[in-house]
Structures are given as structure tokens and as C-alpha cells.
């Protein structure tokens, strides 16, 4: 079951975890942060430390997101939530 796998991936031993929902690329340059993709299948995807299958999209429904990112703190609480639109805007390179 996908929920069980996600709970295992988010165990307290993992530290900071950035969970990505939907078809968003991994975040580059994030040392010390484990990146987990929640997708329709558990097929490996480059740039992510783990991929969790959630074909019914239960995780996305729980957070009210079609796509986005969720930062999970080491204590297991949600530190931040960004929907896909927020992620796209903040991921653009800035100009000096």
C-alpha cells in the first residue's frame, strides 16, 4: 500500500525530506535534504532518493494538491507546502 511506503520513507531517521507530488523535477543543490517523489508507479526517477507509488493519488488529495512540494521536518511535522504554481514561479532563475 502506498501510504505504508510513504510512512516508512518519512521515518524520523531520515531528517529533512522534500516530498514532490506530480510531474515536477527534483530540486538541485539541496544537500542534507532527502528528496522523495510520489508518483503513479515506484519506477526510479533520476535526482530523487526514493519514489513511492501512489496510483490513487491519496497523498495529493490529503494535501489538496494536484502537484507541489511538501517539506517534512525531522520531527515528522509539515514545515512547508507549495502547490505546483508556487514551485514554478520560485524555481525560475533570478536576474542580478
Protein backbone atom coordinates (compact mmCIF):
# COMPACT_ATOMS: atom_id res chain seq x y z
CA UNK A 1 0.00 0.00 0.00
CA UNK A 2 1.37 3.41 -0.96
CA UNK A 3 0.60 5.10 2.37
CA UNK A 4 2.60 2.50 4.27
CA UNK A 5 5.59 3.03 1.97
CA UNK A 6 5.40 6.80 2.38
CA UNK A 7 5.30 6.49 6.17
CA UNK A 8 8.38 4.27 6.03
CA UNK A 9 10.22 6.79 3.84
CA UNK A 10 9.30 9.58 6.27
CA UNK A 11 10.61 7.80 9.36
CA UNK A 12 12.36 10.00 11.97
CA UNK A 13 15.79 8.71 10.94
CA UNK A 14 15.55 10.39 7.52
CA UNK A 15 15.97 14.02 8.67
CA UNK A 16 14.56 16.70 6.34
CA UNK A 17 12.50 15.25 3.49
CA UNK A 18 11.23 17.14 0.46
CA UNK A 19 8.23 15.28 -0.95
CA UNK A 20 7.35 16.08 -4.56
CA UNK A 21 3.87 15.34 -5.87
CA UNK A 22 3.23 15.29 -9.60
CA UNK A 23 5.46 15.83 -12.61
CA UNK A 24 7.96 18.28 -11.11
CA UNK A 25 11.72 17.90 -11.46
CA UNK A 26 13.96 17.30 -8.44
CA UNK A 27 15.38 20.37 -6.73
CA UNK A 28 19.09 20.75 -7.47
CA UNK A 29 21.67 21.66 -4.85
CA UNK A 30 19.76 20.54 -1.76
CA UNK A 31 22.39 18.87 0.41
CA UNK A 32 21.14 17.32 3.61
CA UNK A 33 17.59 17.01 2.27
CA UNK A 34 16.23 13.68 1.13
CA UNK A 35 14.06 14.02 -1.98
CA UNK A 36 11.09 11.70 -2.40
CA UNK A 37 8.81 11.59 -5.43
CA UNK A 38 5.22 10.40 -5.02
CA UNK A 39 4.09 9.15 -8.44
CA UNK A 40 1.74 6.70 -10.12
CA UNK A 41 4.43 3.99 -10.06
CA UNK A 42 7.55 3.34 -8.00
CA UNK A 43 9.86 3.30 -11.04
CA UNK A 44 13.16 5.05 -10.21
CA UNK A 45 13.48 8.67 -11.37
CA UNK A 46 16.86 10.40 -11.56
CA UNK A 47 17.51 13.02 -8.90
CA UNK A 48 15.14 11.52 -6.33
CA UNK A 49 16.38 9.42 -3.41
CA UNK A 50 13.16 7.39 -3.35
CA UNK A 51 9.99 7.01 -5.38
CA UNK A 52 6.74 5.98 -3.71
CA UNK A 53 3.87 4.56 -5.75
CA UNK A 54 0.52 6.25 -5.11
CA UNK A 55 -1.64 5.41 -8.15
CA UNK A 56 -4.80 6.58 -6.36
CA UNK A 57 -3.12 9.94 -5.55
CA UNK A 58 -4.09 9.74 -1.89
CA UNK A 59 -1.11 11.88 -0.78
CA UNK A 60 -2.04 14.64 -3.24
CA UNK A 61 -5.65 14.56 -2.07
CA UNK A 62 -4.59 14.76 1.58
CA UNK A 63 -2.69 17.98 0.91
CA UNK A 64 -5.17 19.34 -1.63
CA UNK A 65 -2.54 19.48 -4.37
CA UNK A 66 -2.52 18.28 -7.96
CA UNK A 67 1.25 18.90 -7.98
CA UNK A 68 3.56 20.52 -5.48
CA UNK A 69 6.15 20.03 -2.77
CA UNK A 70 5.93 19.35 0.94
CA UNK A 71 8.87 19.81 3.30
CA UNK A 72 8.74 17.36 6.18
CA UNK A 73 10.75 18.30 9.26
CA UNK A 74 12.88 15.72 11.12
CA UNK A 75 10.20 15.54 13.85
CA UNK A 76 7.66 14.41 11.22
CA UNK A 77 5.65 17.62 11.06
CA UNK A 78 5.00 19.52 7.83
CA UNK A 79 7.30 22.51 7.57
CA UNK A 80 6.02 23.99 4.29
CA UNK A 81 3.62 23.26 1.45
CA UNK A 82 3.83 24.75 -2.06
CA UNK A 83 1.49 23.98 -4.92
CA UNK A 84 2.76 23.47 -8.46
CA UNK A 85 2.16 27.10 -9.44
CA UNK A 86 4.23 28.38 -6.48
CA UNK A 87 7.01 25.95 -7.30
CA UNK A 88 7.15 27.05 -10.94
CA UNK A 89 7.41 30.72 -10.01
CA UNK A 90 10.06 30.21 -7.33
CA UNK A 91 12.13 27.82 -9.43
CA UNK A 92 12.87 30.40 -12.14
CA UNK A 93 16.39 31.79 -12.15
CA UNK A 94 16.66 35.31 -10.80
CA UNK A 95 18.47 38.06 -12.64
CA UNK A 96 21.00 40.31 -10.90
